């Protein structure tokens, strides 16, 4: 019998409702919920890390942000994630809400997985690692408040490739290329690619452009002024950087396994989502 962990966005009533519908509609499996989930559905509630370790499959119900929140735990436990999109874009999710009965196919083993690269993000302070995170989308260094410019210098394998003042720098995975990096003018990368993307945010330098690096590259970033700077990982986990801190980013050894059952290509999903966002206009 399969054990399924449901991870709904607790702030979306439709995510909670669909979770309850799926628990009552799926057969031949046991169900888990995080212990902070407000549902009273027939499922065992456990702390998230423990629930992930016991699960054979995680079903994420929400937007891409919901997948981002559970990704580190899923990666550490090597548990595949099936995303059901209840957000605005949902590039990572496999199913739309009305397609939830297809989850029964997944429980029968009729699916494949897609491995998504992550970034190993480490902050060094006086040579000592003080923060270490996994990033599925991106690690962003910025001045924090809107419009607060900072000066940055970035190196790839010890060789400087950027030095500029601006709103910050995005270090993204191919998965994250369709997120903040895209809004900042970065390229779209095929999500199963293995690259590290560096995209300046509103640089005050005409030659500060986006760079795409090999997966073996180690990218480092330092601020070059005595001004407050912040690191934000996957749009949620924030660290205030002190003067002299050094951020190092490399490809993580682990990857996130996303469940795939559809024959729809990434490009069909991309243009479909973009067309929806822009009122049906081709982009």
C-alpha atoms as a PDB file:
ATOM      1  CA  UNK A   1       0.000   0.000   0.000  1.00  0.00           C
ATOM      2  CA  UNK A   2       1.320   3.422  -0.977  1.00  0.00           C
ATOM      3  CA  UNK A   3       1.605   6.197   1.595  1.00  0.00           C
ATOM      4  CA  UNK A   4       0.701   9.626   0.227  1.00  0.00           C
ATOM      5  CA  UNK A   5       1.530  12.910   1.930  1.00  0.00           C
ATOM      6  CA  UNK A   6      -0.755  15.783   0.962  1.00  0.00           C
ATOM      7  CA  UNK A   7       0.832  19.224   1.227  1.00  0.00           C
ATOM      8  CA  UNK A   8      -1.871  21.842   0.574  1.00  0.00           C
ATOM      9  CA  UNK A   9      -1.338  25.595   0.712  1.00  0.00           C
ATOM     10  CA  UNK A  10      -3.185  26.327   3.983  1.00  0.00           C
ATOM     11  CA  UNK A  11      -4.076  29.847   2.813  1.00  0.00           C
ATOM     12  CA  UNK A  12      -6.067  28.579  -0.171  1.00  0.00           C
ATOM     13  CA  UNK A  13      -9.523  27.242   0.655  1.00  0.00           C
ATOM     14  CA  UNK A  14      -9.670  25.459  -2.701  1.00  0.00           C
ATOM     15  CA  UNK A  15      -6.424  23.606  -1.883  1.00  0.00           C
ATOM     16  CA  UNK A  16      -7.851  22.348   1.401  1.00  0.00           C
ATOM     17  CA  UNK A  17     -11.126  21.379  -0.243  1.00  0.00           C
ATOM     18  CA  UNK A  18      -9.389  19.492  -3.043  1.00  0.00           C
ATOM     19  CA  UNK A  19      -7.162  17.704  -0.531  1.00  0.00           C
ATOM     20  CA  UNK A  20     -10.233  16.408   1.279  1.00  0.00           C
ATOM     21  CA  UNK A  21     -11.826  15.369  -2.026  1.00  0.00           C
ATOM     22  CA  UNK A  22      -8.723  13.426  -3.054  1.00  0.00           C
ATOM     23  CA  UNK A  23      -8.370  11.688   0.312  1.00  0.00           C
ATOM     24  CA  UNK A  24     -11.955  10.466   0.012  1.00  0.00           C
ATOM     25  CA  UNK A  25     -11.660   9.631  -3.689  1.00  0.00           C
ATOM     26  CA  UNK A  26      -8.362   7.774  -3.965  1.00  0.00           C
ATOM     27  CA  UNK A  27      -8.121   4.103  -3.054  1.00  0.00           C
ATOM     28  CA  UNK A  28      -5.551   1.556  -1.883  1.00  0.00           C
ATOM     29  CA  UNK A  29      -3.300   3.987  -0.043  1.00  0.00           C
ATOM     30  CA  UNK A  30      -2.661   5.527   3.360  1.00  0.00           C
ATOM     31  CA  UNK A  31      -2.728   9.299   3.822  1.00  0.00           C
ATOM     32  CA  UNK A  32      -0.576  11.753   5.729  1.00  0.00           C
ATOM     33  CA  UNK A  33      -0.922  15.478   6.424  1.00  0.00           C
ATOM     34  CA  UNK A  34       1.509  17.977   7.996  1.00  0.00           C
ATOM     35  CA  UNK A  35       0.690  18.477  11.653  1.00  0.00           C
ATOM     36  CA  UNK A  36      -0.140  22.172  11.093  1.00  0.00           C
ATOM     37  CA  UNK A  37      -2.736  21.447   8.388  1.00  0.00           C
ATOM     38  CA  UNK A  38      -6.196  22.710   9.489  1.00  0.00           C
ATOM     39  CA  UNK A  39      -8.064  19.821   7.831  1.00  0.00           C
ATOM     40  CA  UNK A  40      -9.819  17.147   9.881  1.00  0.00           C
ATOM     41  CA  UNK A  41      -9.760  14.618   7.003  1.00  0.00           C
ATOM     42  CA  UNK A  42      -9.095  10.896   7.681  1.00  0.00           C
ATOM     43  CA  UNK A  43      -5.303  11.092   7.576  1.00  0.00           C
ATOM     44  CA  UNK A  44      -2.455  10.822  10.076  1.00  0.00           C
ATOM     45  CA  UNK A  45      -0.845  14.130  11.002  1.00  0.00           C
ATOM     46  CA  UNK A  46       2.917  14.267  11.541  1.00  0.00           C
ATOM     47  CA  UNK A  47       5.657  16.924  11.611  1.00  0.00           C
ATOM     48  CA  UNK A  48       6.597  17.655   8.005  1.00  0.00           C
ATOM     49  CA  UNK A  49      10.093  16.132   8.057  1.00  0.00           C
ATOM     50  CA  UNK A  50       8.790  12.890   9.599  1.00  0.00           C
ATOM     51  CA  UNK A  51       5.812  12.754   7.237  1.00  0.00           C
ATOM     52  CA  UNK A  52       8.069  13.174   4.214  1.00  0.00           C
ATOM     53  CA  UNK A  53      10.316  10.322   5.382  1.00  0.00           C
ATOM     54  CA  UNK A  54       7.309   7.994   5.676  1.00  0.00           C
ATOM     55  CA  UNK A  55       5.762   8.956   2.331  1.00  0.00           C
ATOM     56  CA  UNK A  56       6.105   7.207  -1.019  1.00  0.00           C
ATOM     57  CA  UNK A  57       4.624  10.219  -2.820  1.00  0.00           C
ATOM     58  CA  UNK A  58       3.990  13.881  -1.990  1.00  0.00           C
ATOM     59  CA  UNK A  59       1.029  15.676  -3.564  1.00  0.00           C
ATOM     60  CA  UNK A  60       1.491  19.448  -3.556  1.00  0.00           C
ATOM     61  CA  UNK A  61      -1.709  21.487  -3.890  1.00  0.00           C
ATOM     62  CA  UNK A  62      -1.095  25.165  -4.577  1.00  0.00           C
ATOM     63  CA  UNK A  63       1.169  27.204  -6.807  1.00  0.00           C
ATOM     64  CA  UNK A  64       4.867  26.833  -7.533  1.00  0.00           C
ATOM     65  CA  UNK A  65       5.546  28.474  -4.165  1.00  0.00           C
ATOM     66  CA  UNK A  66       3.987  25.477  -2.416  1.00  0.00           C
ATOM     67  CA  UNK A  67       6.394  23.131  -4.203  1.00  0.00           C
ATOM     68  CA  UNK A  68       9.285  25.442  -3.315  1.00  0.00           C
ATOM     69  CA  UNK A  69       8.391  25.253   0.377  1.00  0.00           C
ATOM     70  CA  UNK A  70       8.406  21.463   0.530  1.00  0.00           C
ATOM     71  CA  UNK A  71      11.275  20.895  -1.924  1.00  0.00           C
ATOM     72  CA  UNK A  72      14.180  20.763   0.584  1.00  0.00           C
ATOM     73  CA  UNK A  73      12.455  18.094   2.690  1.00  0.00           C
ATOM     74  CA  UNK A  74      11.414  16.094  -0.394  1.00  0.00           C
ATOM     75  CA  UNK A  75      14.939  16.230  -1.790  1.00  0.00           C
ATOM     76  CA  UNK A  76      16.546  15.044   1.449  1.00  0.00           C
ATOM     77  CA  UNK A  77      14.127  12.095   1.647  1.00  0.00           C
ATOM     78  CA  UNK A  78      14.251  11.281  -2.103  1.00  0.00           C
ATOM     79  CA  UNK A  79      10.450  11.339  -2.409  1.00  0.00           C
ATOM     80  CA  UNK A  80       8.824  12.322  -5.756  1.00  0.00           C
ATOM     81  CA  UNK A  81       6.387  15.244  -5.876  1.00  0.00           C
ATOM     82  CA  UNK A  82       3.154  15.464  -7.871  1.00  0.00           C
ATOM     83  CA  UNK A  83       2.081  19.078  -8.243  1.00  0.00           C
ATOM     84  CA  UNK A  84      -1.555  20.128  -8.680  1.00  0.00           C
ATOM     85  CA  UNK A  85      -1.749  23.743  -9.797  1.00  0.00           C
ATOM     86  CA  UNK A  86      -3.945  26.114  -7.842  1.00  0.00           C
ATOM     87  CA  UNK A  87      -1.740  29.149  -8.456  1.00  0.00           C
ATOM     88  CA  UNK A  88      -1.414  31.734 -11.181  1.00  0.00           C
ATOM     89  CA  UNK A  89       1.295  30.130 -13.318  1.00  0.00           C
ATOM     90  CA  UNK A  90       2.222  26.664 -12.070  1.00  0.00           C
ATOM     91  CA  UNK A  91       5.180  25.820 -14.311  1.00  0.00           C
ATOM     92  CA  UNK A  92       6.253  22.959 -12.049  1.00  0.00           C
ATOM     93  CA  UNK A  93       2.831  21.426 -11.396  1.00  0.00           C
ATOM     94  CA  UNK A  94       1.727  18.474 -13.524  1.00  0.00           C
ATOM     95  CA  UNK A  95      -2.057  18.577 -13.133  1.00  0.00           C
ATOM     96  CA  UNK A  96      -4.840  21.142 -13.049  1.00  0.00           C
ATOM     97  CA  UNK A  97      -7.451  20.735 -10.275  1.00  0.00           C
ATOM     98  CA  UNK A  98     -10.040  19.034 -12.479  1.00  0.00           C
ATOM     99  CA  UNK A  99      -7.448  16.420 -13.480  1.00  0.00           C
ATOM    100  CA  UNK A 100      -6.918  15.119  -9.925  1.00  0.00           C
ATOM    101  CA  UNK A 101      -8.371  11.624 -10.677  1.00  0.00           C
ATOM    102  CA  UNK A 102      -5.223  11.015 -12.769  1.00  0.00           C
ATOM    103  CA  UNK A 103      -3.375  10.719  -9.456  1.00  0.00           C
ATOM    104  CA  UNK A 104      -4.745   7.167  -9.297  1.00  0.00           C
ATOM    105  CA  UNK A 105      -2.485   6.338 -12.260  1.00  0.00           C
ATOM    106  CA  UNK A 106       0.482   7.610 -10.291  1.00  0.00           C
ATOM    107  CA  UNK A 107      -0.439   5.337  -7.387  1.00  0.00           C
ATOM    108  CA  UNK A 108      -0.404   2.408  -9.834  1.00  0.00           C
ATOM    109  CA  UNK A 109       3.127   3.358 -10.855  1.00  0.00           C
ATOM    110  CA  UNK A 110       2.109   4.689 -14.285  1.00  0.00           C
ATOM    111  CA  UNK A 111       4.362   7.734 -14.311  1.00  0.00           C
ATOM    112  CA  UNK A 112       7.877   8.935 -14.953  1.00  0.00           C
ATOM    113  CA  UNK A 113       9.976  11.405 -12.960  1.00  0.00           C
ATOM    114  CA  UNK A 114      11.797  14.509 -14.106  1.00  0.00           C
ATOM    115  CA  UNK A 115      14.947  15.423 -12.215  1.00  0.00           C
ATOM    116  CA  UNK A 116      15.286  19.143 -11.448  1.00  0.00           C
ATOM    117  CA  UNK A 117      18.673  20.562 -10.556  1.00  0.00           C
ATOM    118  CA  UNK A 118      19.109  22.516  -7.315  1.00  0.00           C
ATOM    119  CA  UNK A 119      21.702  24.996  -6.131  1.00  0.00           C
ATOM    120  CA  UNK A 120      23.857  24.500  -3.070  1.00  0.00           C
ATOM    121  CA  UNK A 121      23.877  27.986  -1.513  1.00  0.00           C
ATOM    122  CA  UNK A 122      26.417  28.769   1.224  1.00  0.00           C
ATOM    123  CA  UNK A 123      27.241  32.024   3.039  1.00  0.00           C
ATOM    124  CA  UNK A 124      30.795  32.281   4.408  1.00  0.00           C
ATOM    125  CA  UNK A 125      31.563  34.743   7.192  1.00  0.00           C
ATOM    126  CA  UNK A 126      35.269  35.189   7.943  1.00  0.00           C
ATOM    127  CA  UNK A 127      35.843  31.957   6.048  1.00  0.00           C
ATOM    128  CA  UNK A 128      33.343  29.943   8.097  1.00  0.00           C
ATOM    129  CA  UNK A 129      30.052  28.672   6.574  1.00  0.00           C
ATOM    130  CA  UNK A 130      27.177  30.237   8.562  1.00  0.00           C
ATOM    131  CA  UNK A 131      24.213  29.535   6.257  1.00  0.00           C
ATOM    132  CA  UNK A 132      23.590  26.656   3.898  1.00  0.00           C
ATOM    133  CA  UNK A 133      20.447  26.243   1.812  1.00  0.00           C
ATOM    134  CA  UNK A 134      19.130  24.319  -1.170  1.00  0.00           C
ATOM    135  CA  UNK A 135      17.512  26.426  -3.895  1.00  0.00           C
ATOM    136  CA  UNK A 136      15.141  24.978  -6.469  1.00  0.00           C
ATOM    137  CA  UNK A 137      14.453  28.325  -8.163  1.00  0.00           C
ATOM    138  CA  UNK A 138      17.018  30.904  -7.160  1.00  0.00           C
ATOM    139  CA  UNK A 139      19.219  32.689  -4.655  1.00  0.00           C
ATOM    140  CA  UNK A 140      18.902  36.475  -4.835  1.00  0.00           C
ATOM    141  CA  UNK A 141      21.286  39.048  -3.387  1.00  0.00           C
ATOM    142  CA  UNK A 142      19.716  42.501  -3.134  1.00  0.00           C
ATOM    143  CA  UNK A 143      19.570  45.688  -1.101  1.00  0.00           C
ATOM    144  CA  UNK A 144      16.248  44.649   0.381  1.00  0.00           C
ATOM    145  CA  UNK A 145      14.017  47.715   0.182  1.00  0.00           C
ATOM    146  CA  UNK A 146      12.781  48.637  -3.298  1.00  0.00           C
ATOM    147  CA  UNK A 147      15.126  50.998  -5.085  1.00  0.00           C
ATOM    148  CA  UNK A 148      18.063  50.504  -2.700  1.00  0.00           C
ATOM    149  CA  UNK A 149      21.079  50.018  -4.921  1.00  0.00           C
ATOM    150  CA  UNK A 150      24.025  47.858  -3.898  1.00  0.00           C
ATOM    151  CA  UNK A 151      27.454  47.261  -5.424  1.00  0.00           C
ATOM    152  CA  UNK A 152      28.343  43.652  -6.199  1.00  0.00           C
ATOM    153  CA  UNK A 153      31.262  41.709  -7.598  1.00  0.00           C
ATOM    154  CA  UNK A 154      30.814  38.156  -8.906  1.00  0.00           C
ATOM    155  CA  UNK A 155      33.305  35.460  -9.851  1.00  0.00           C
ATOM    156  CA  UNK A 156      33.072  32.162 -11.700  1.00  0.00           C
ATOM    157  CA  UNK A 157      35.684  29.659 -10.576  1.00  0.00           C
ATOM    158  CA  UNK A 158      37.727  32.511  -9.112  1.00  0.00           C
ATOM    159  CA  UNK A 159      37.578  34.744 -12.199  1.00  0.00           C
ATOM    160  CA  UNK A 160      35.564  37.948 -12.078  1.00  0.00           C
ATOM    161  CA  UNK A 161      32.778  38.225 -14.639  1.00  0.00           C
ATOM    162  CA  UNK A 162      30.608  40.998 -13.159  1.00  0.00           C
ATOM    163  CA  UNK A 163      31.133  44.143 -11.101  1.00  0.00           C
ATOM    164  CA  UNK A 164      28.263  46.599 -10.997  1.00  0.00           C
ATOM    165  CA  UNK A 165      25.855  48.635  -8.933  1.00  0.00           C
ATOM    166  CA  UNK A 166      22.154  47.860  -9.200  1.00  0.00           C
ATOM    167  CA  UNK A 167      19.205  46.304  -7.444  1.00  0.00           C
ATOM    168  CA  UNK A 168      20.930  42.946  -7.073  1.00  0.00           C
ATOM    169  CA  UNK A 169      21.843  39.642  -8.698  1.00  0.00           C
ATOM    170  CA  UNK A 170      19.793  36.486  -9.273  1.00  0.00           C
ATOM    171  CA  UNK A 171      21.541  33.107  -9.314  1.00  0.00           C
ATOM    172  CA  UNK A 172      19.013  30.694 -10.774  1.00  0.00           C
ATOM    173  CA  UNK A 173      18.547  27.101 -11.836  1.00  0.00           C
ATOM    174  CA  UNK A 174      16.959  26.190 -15.182  1.00  0.00           C
ATOM    175  CA  UNK A 175      13.724  25.671 -13.232  1.00  0.00           C
ATOM    176  CA  UNK A 176      14.075  29.197 -11.859  1.00  0.00           C
ATOM    177  CA  UNK A 177      14.736  30.686 -15.291  1.00  0.00           C
ATOM    178  CA  UNK A 178      10.975  31.195 -15.737  1.00  0.00           C
ATOM    179  CA  UNK A 179      10.629  32.934 -12.360  1.00  0.00           C
ATOM    180  CA  UNK A 180      12.335  36.132 -11.102  1.00  0.00           C
ATOM    181  CA  UNK A 181      15.182  35.795 -13.602  1.00  0.00           C
ATOM    182  CA  UNK A 182      12.766  35.937 -16.537  1.00  0.00           C
ATOM    183  CA  UNK A 183      11.185  39.112 -15.155  1.00  0.00           C
ATOM    184  CA  UNK A 184      14.671  40.637 -14.885  1.00  0.00           C
ATOM    185  CA  UNK A 185      15.381  39.936 -18.560  1.00  0.00           C
ATOM    186  CA  UNK A 186      17.098  36.559 -18.294  1.00  0.00           C
ATOM    187  CA  UNK A 187      16.730  33.745 -20.839  1.00  0.00           C
ATOM    188  CA  UNK A 188      14.415  30.749 -20.577  1.00  0.00           C
ATOM    189  CA  UNK A 189      16.291  27.480 -20.064  1.00  0.00           C
ATOM    190  CA  UNK A 190      14.856  24.021 -20.605  1.00  0.00           C
ATOM    191  CA  UNK A 191      14.032  22.939 -17.030  1.00  0.00           C
ATOM    192  CA  UNK A 192      15.937  19.639 -17.093  1.00  0.00           C
ATOM    193  CA  UNK A 193      19.116  21.383 -18.279  1.00  0.00           C
ATOM    194  CA  UNK A 194      22.136  21.571 -15.989  1.00  0.00           C
ATOM    195  CA  UNK A 195      23.247  25.205 -15.843  1.00  0.00           C
ATOM    196  CA  UNK A 196      23.706  28.047 -13.384  1.00  0.00           C
ATOM    197  CA  UNK A 197      22.200  31.345 -14.478  1.00  0.00           C
ATOM    198  CA  UNK A 198      23.401  34.771 -13.232  1.00  0.00           C
ATOM    199  CA  UNK A 199      21.009  37.628 -14.011  1.00  0.00           C
ATOM    200  CA  UNK A 200      21.663  41.224 -12.842  1.00  0.00           C
ATOM    201  CA  UNK A 201      18.625  43.141 -11.542  1.00  0.00           C
ATOM    202  CA  UNK A 202      18.357  46.664 -12.982  1.00  0.00           C
ATOM    203  CA  UNK A 203      22.144  47.128 -13.313  1.00  0.00           C
ATOM    204  CA  UNK A 204      23.559  50.648 -13.558  1.00  0.00           C
ATOM    205  CA  UNK A 205      26.023  49.406 -16.184  1.00  0.00           C
ATOM    206  CA  UNK A 206      25.249  48.741 -19.849  1.00  0.00           C
ATOM    207  CA  UNK A 207      27.656  45.782 -20.043  1.00  0.00           C
ATOM    208  CA  UNK A 208      26.192  43.930 -17.048  1.00  0.00           C
ATOM    209  CA  UNK A 209      24.467  41.075 -18.821  1.00  0.00           C
ATOM    210  CA  UNK A 210      23.112  37.645 -17.995  1.00  0.00           C
ATOM    211  CA  UNK A 211      25.607  34.758 -17.902  1.00  0.00           C
ATOM    212  CA  UNK A 212      24.925  31.037 -18.240  1.00  0.00           C
ATOM    213  CA  UNK A 213      27.481  28.726 -16.652  1.00  0.00           C
ATOM    214  CA  UNK A 214      28.197  25.010 -16.774  1.00  0.00           C
ATOM    215  CA  UNK A 215      26.997  22.848 -13.857  1.00  0.00           C
ATOM    216  CA  UNK A 216      30.601  22.334 -12.730  1.00  0.00           C
ATOM    217  CA  UNK A 217      31.119  26.060 -12.181  1.00  0.00           C
ATOM    218  CA  UNK A 218      31.257  27.634  -8.706  1.00  0.00           C
ATOM    219  CA  UNK A 219      29.867  31.163  -8.616  1.00  0.00           C
ATOM    220  CA  UNK A 220      30.677  33.530  -5.757  1.00  0.00           C
ATOM    221  CA  UNK A 221      29.281  36.966  -4.908  1.00  0.00           C
ATOM    222  CA  UNK A 222      30.430  39.704  -2.545  1.00  0.00           C
ATOM    223  CA  UNK A 223      29.120  43.169  -1.805  1.00  0.00           C
ATOM    224  CA  UNK A 224      31.738  45.873  -2.380  1.00  0.00           C
ATOM    225  CA  UNK A 225      30.213  48.633  -0.240  1.00  0.00           C
ATOM    226  CA  UNK A 226      29.410  48.932   3.463  1.00  0.00           C
ATOM    227  CA  UNK A 227      25.679  48.776   2.888  1.00  0.00           C
ATOM    228  CA  UNK A 228      23.011  46.345   4.038  1.00  0.00           C
ATOM    229  CA  UNK A 229      22.427  43.400   1.706  1.00  0.00           C
ATOM    230  CA  UNK A 230      20.134  40.400   1.889  1.00  0.00           C
ATOM    231  CA  UNK A 231      20.107  36.869   0.542  1.00  0.00           C
ATOM    232  CA  UNK A 232      16.680  35.409  -0.249  1.00  0.00           C
ATOM    233  CA  UNK A 233      16.440  31.741  -1.252  1.00  0.00           C
ATOM    234  CA  UNK A 234      13.424  30.612  -3.282  1.00  0.00           C
ATOM    235  CA  UNK A 235      11.558  33.797  -2.439  1.00  0.00           C
ATOM    236  CA  UNK A 236      11.128  32.912   1.231  1.00  0.00           C
ATOM    237  CA  UNK A 237      14.225  32.141   3.321  1.00  0.00           C
ATOM    238  CA  UNK A 238      16.022  35.422   4.076  1.00  0.00           C
ATOM    239  CA  UNK A 239      19.483  36.084   5.542  1.00  0.00           C
ATOM    240  CA  UNK A 240      20.959  39.504   6.255  1.00  0.00           C
ATOM    241  CA  UNK A 241      24.485  39.630   4.879  1.00  0.00           C
ATOM    242  CA  UNK A 242      27.238  41.401   6.784  1.00  0.00           C
ATOM    243  CA  UNK A 243      30.012  43.376   5.177  1.00  0.00           C
ATOM    244  CA  UNK A 244      32.682  40.912   4.035  1.00  0.00           C
ATOM    245  CA  UNK A 245      30.325  37.934   3.711  1.00  0.00           C
ATOM    246  CA  UNK A 246      30.875  35.773   0.661  1.00  0.00           C
ATOM    247  CA  UNK A 247      28.105  33.851  -1.075  1.00  0.00           C
ATOM    248  CA  UNK A 248      29.069  30.687  -2.944  1.00  0.00           C
ATOM    249  CA  UNK A 249      26.688  28.845  -5.246  1.00  0.00           C
ATOM    250  CA  UNK A 250      27.237  25.532  -7.005  1.00  0.00           C
ATOM    251  CA  UNK A 251      25.188  22.667  -8.348  1.00  0.00           C
ATOM    252  CA  UNK A 252      23.781  20.553  -5.529  1.00  0.00           C
ATOM    253  CA  UNK A 253      24.406  16.818  -5.507  1.00  0.00           C
ATOM    254  CA  UNK A 254      20.691  16.216  -4.894  1.00  0.00           C
ATOM    255  CA  UNK A 255      17.817  16.835  -7.294  1.00  0.00           C
ATOM    256  CA  UNK A 256      14.047  17.149  -6.952  1.00  0.00           C
ATOM    257  CA  UNK A 257      11.987  14.438  -8.636  1.00  0.00           C
ATOM    258  CA  UNK A 258       8.792  15.822 -10.174  1.00  0.00           C
ATOM    259  CA  UNK A 259       6.122  13.354 -11.267  1.00  0.00           C
ATOM    260  CA  UNK A 260       5.180  13.470 -14.945  1.00  0.00           C
ATOM    261  CA  UNK A 261       2.282  11.635 -16.619  1.00  0.00           C
ATOM    262  CA  UNK A 262       1.273  14.078 -19.366  1.00  0.00           C
ATOM    263  CA  UNK A 263       2.731  14.105 -22.877  1.00  0.00           C
ATOM    264  CA  UNK A 264       2.510  17.916 -22.972  1.00  0.00           C
ATOM    265  CA  UNK A 265       5.932  19.498 -23.548  1.00  0.00           C
ATOM    266  CA  UNK A 266       7.527  22.221 -21.453  1.00  0.00           C
ATOM    267  CA  UNK A 267       7.177  24.602 -24.408  1.00  0.00           C
ATOM    268  CA  UNK A 268       3.448  23.985 -24.707  1.00  0.00           C
ATOM    269  CA  UNK A 269       3.084  24.643 -20.989  1.00  0.00           C
ATOM    270  CA  UNK A 270       5.261  27.758 -21.172  1.00  0.00           C
ATOM    271  CA  UNK A 271       3.404  29.431 -24.017  1.00  0.00           C
ATOM    272  CA  UNK A 272       0.022  28.341 -22.690  1.00  0.00           C
ATOM    273  CA  UNK A 273       0.723  29.879 -19.275  1.00  0.00           C
ATOM    274  CA  UNK A 274       2.138  33.047 -20.811  1.00  0.00           C
ATOM    275  CA  UNK A 275      -0.841  33.405 -23.141  1.00  0.00           C
ATOM    276  CA  UNK A 276      -3.207  33.032 -20.174  1.00  0.00           C
ATOM    277  CA  UNK A 277      -1.258  35.664 -18.234  1.00  0.00           C
ATOM    278  CA  UNK A 278      -1.395  38.111 -21.119  1.00  0.00           C
ATOM    279  CA  UNK A 279      -5.086  37.714 -21.852  1.00  0.00           C
ATOM    280  CA  UNK A 280      -4.762  35.117 -24.588  1.00  0.00           C
ATOM    281  CA  UNK A 281      -2.194  37.064 -26.564  1.00  0.00           C
ATOM    282  CA  UNK A 282       0.645  35.189 -28.218  1.00  0.00           C
ATOM    283  CA  UNK A 283       4.037  35.896 -26.673  1.00  0.00           C
END
